Amino acid sequence: RAPFKKGASRIYEELNITCQPVAINSGYVWPKKGKKKSNKKITISILNPINSGLTKNTFIETLEKNIYTELDLIN
């Protein structure tokens, strides 16, 4: 899996607010390339918030881990 882009950590640091992660599996159901998989449900998961105050690297690592772990569960 591709690492998350650093823009999210810049916004997180600049605004100094809690981040509300959301995982959505629409890419599994409707991939960029290929056909849409019929009879599949798109699932949206609202994850636990990530409080402000983390370093950019810690934030992005936490965000990736939380979202990718959830995507493994819902796919």
C-alpha atoms as a PDB file:
ATOM      1  CA  ARG A   1       0.000   0.000   0.000  1.00  0.00           C
ATOM      2  CA  ALA A   2       1.125   3.475  -0.800  1.00  0.00           C
ATOM      3  CA  PRO A   3       2.063   5.720   2.114  1.00  0.00           C
ATOM      4  CA  PHE A   4      -0.231   8.643   2.822  1.00  0.00           C
ATOM      5  CA  LYS A   5       0.764  11.989   1.384  1.00  0.00           C
ATOM      6  CA  LYS A   6       2.300  14.527   3.738  1.00  0.00           C
ATOM      7  CA  GLY A   7      -0.354  17.213   3.107  1.00  0.00           C
ATOM      8  CA  ALA A   8      -2.634  15.701   5.739  1.00  0.00           C
ATOM      9  CA  SER A   9       0.062  16.028   8.393  1.00  0.00           C
ATOM     10  CA  ARG A  10       0.731  19.638   7.396  1.00  0.00           C
ATOM     11  CA  ILE A  11      -2.946  20.522   7.774  1.00  0.00           C
ATOM     12  CA  TYR A  12      -3.108  18.645  11.092  1.00  0.00           C
ATOM     13  CA  GLU A  13      -0.085  20.495  12.444  1.00  0.00           C
ATOM     14  CA  GLU A  14      -1.086  23.923  11.112  1.00  0.00           C
ATOM     15  CA  LEU A  15      -4.657  23.839  12.427  1.00  0.00           C
ATOM     16  CA  ASN A  16      -3.716  22.119  15.702  1.00  0.00           C
ATOM     17  CA  ILE A  17      -7.093  20.374  15.948  1.00  0.00           C
ATOM     18  CA  THR A  18      -8.340  16.820  16.441  1.00  0.00           C
ATOM     19  CA  CYS A  19      -8.469  14.707  13.272  1.00  0.00           C
ATOM     20  CA  GLN A  20     -11.533  12.545  12.591  1.00  0.00           C
ATOM     21  CA  PRO A  21     -10.360   9.617  10.400  1.00  0.00           C
ATOM     22  CA  VAL A  22     -12.820   7.922   8.063  1.00  0.00           C
ATOM     23  CA  ALA A  23     -12.199   4.671   6.168  1.00  0.00           C
ATOM     24  CA  ILE A  24     -14.190   3.913   3.023  1.00  0.00           C
ATOM     25  CA  ASN A  25     -13.831   0.812   0.871  1.00  0.00           C
ATOM     26  CA  SER A  26     -15.242   2.209  -2.379  1.00  0.00           C
ATOM     27  CA  GLY A  27     -11.934   1.496  -4.160  1.00  0.00           C
ATOM     28  CA  TYR A  28     -12.443  -2.203  -3.466  1.00  0.00           C
ATOM     29  CA  VAL A  29     -15.983  -2.154  -4.852  1.00  0.00           C
ATOM     30  CA  TRP A  30     -15.350   0.278  -7.714  1.00  0.00           C
ATOM     31  CA  PRO A  31     -11.629   0.117  -8.656  1.00  0.00           C
ATOM     32  CA  LYS A  32      -9.860   2.734 -10.809  1.00  0.00           C
ATOM     33  CA  LYS A  33      -9.165   0.118 -13.451  1.00  0.00           C
ATOM     34  CA  GLY A  34     -11.441  -2.729 -14.309  1.00  0.00           C
ATOM     35  CA  LYS A  35     -15.092  -3.393 -13.782  1.00  0.00           C
ATOM     36  CA  LYS A  36     -17.255  -2.469 -10.854  1.00  0.00           C
ATOM     37  CA  LYS A  37     -17.854  -5.483  -8.619  1.00  0.00           C
ATOM     38  CA  SER A  38     -21.583  -6.059  -8.469  1.00  0.00           C
ATOM     39  CA  ASN A  39     -23.425  -7.130  -5.334  1.00  0.00           C
ATOM     40  CA  LYS A  40     -20.836  -5.501  -3.058  1.00  0.00           C
ATOM     41  CA  LYS A  41     -21.547  -2.895  -0.418  1.00  0.00           C
ATOM     42  CA  ILE A  42     -19.562   0.273   0.103  1.00  0.00           C
ATOM     43  CA  THR A  43     -18.797   0.647   3.799  1.00  0.00           C
ATOM     44  CA  ILE A  44     -17.879   3.857   5.588  1.00  0.00           C
ATOM     45  CA  SER A  45     -16.256   3.555   9.012  1.00  0.00           C
ATOM     46  CA  ILE A  46     -15.827   6.525  11.323  1.00  0.00           C
ATOM     47  CA  LEU A  47     -12.767   5.783  13.431  1.00  0.00           C
ATOM     48  CA  ASN A  48     -11.577   7.073  16.777  1.00  0.00           C
ATOM     49  CA  PRO A  49     -10.364  10.674  16.660  1.00  0.00           C
ATOM     50  CA  ILE A  50      -6.657  11.467  16.732  1.00  0.00           C
ATOM     51  CA  ASN A  51      -6.008  14.257  19.227  1.00  0.00           C
ATOM     52  CA  SER A  52      -3.876  17.254  18.339  1.00  0.00           C
ATOM     53  CA  GLY A  53      -0.300  17.623  19.496  1.00  0.00           C
ATOM     54  CA  LEU A  54       1.422  14.703  17.768  1.00  0.00           C
ATOM     55  CA  THR A  55       4.464  15.191  15.560  1.00  0.00           C
ATOM     56  CA  LYS A  56       3.836  15.066  11.802  1.00  0.00           C
ATOM     57  CA  ASN A  57       5.477  11.650  11.496  1.00  0.00           C
ATOM     58  CA  THR A  58       3.650  10.137  14.466  1.00  0.00           C
ATOM     59  CA  PHE A  59       0.341  11.530  13.198  1.00  0.00           C
ATOM     60  CA  ILE A  60       0.732  10.165   9.664  1.00  0.00           C
ATOM     61  CA  GLU A  61       1.886   6.760  10.965  1.00  0.00           C
ATOM     62  CA  THR A  62      -1.110   6.579  13.318  1.00  0.00           C
ATOM     63  CA  LEU A  63      -3.519   7.682  10.600  1.00  0.00           C
ATOM     64  CA  GLU A  64      -2.193   5.110   8.096  1.00  0.00           C
ATOM     65  CA  LYS A  65      -2.246   2.306  10.661  1.00  0.00           C
ATOM     66  CA  ASN A  66      -5.794   3.060  11.792  1.00  0.00           C
ATOM     67  CA  ILE A  67      -7.267   3.428   8.308  1.00  0.00           C
ATOM     68  CA  TYR A  68      -5.449   0.469   6.737  1.00  0.00           C
ATOM     69  CA  THR A  69      -6.336  -1.771   9.689  1.00  0.00           C
ATOM     70  CA  GLU A  70     -10.011  -0.840   9.304  1.00  0.00           C
ATOM     71  CA  LEU A  71      -9.912  -1.374   5.527  1.00  0.00           C
ATOM     72  CA  ASP A  72      -8.510  -4.882   6.096  1.00  0.00           C
ATOM     73  CA  LEU A  73     -11.513  -5.601   8.328  1.00  0.00           C
ATOM     74  CA  ILE A  74     -14.224  -4.232   6.024  1.00  0.00           C
ATOM     75  CA  ASN A  75     -12.885  -5.662   2.774  1.00  0.00           C
END
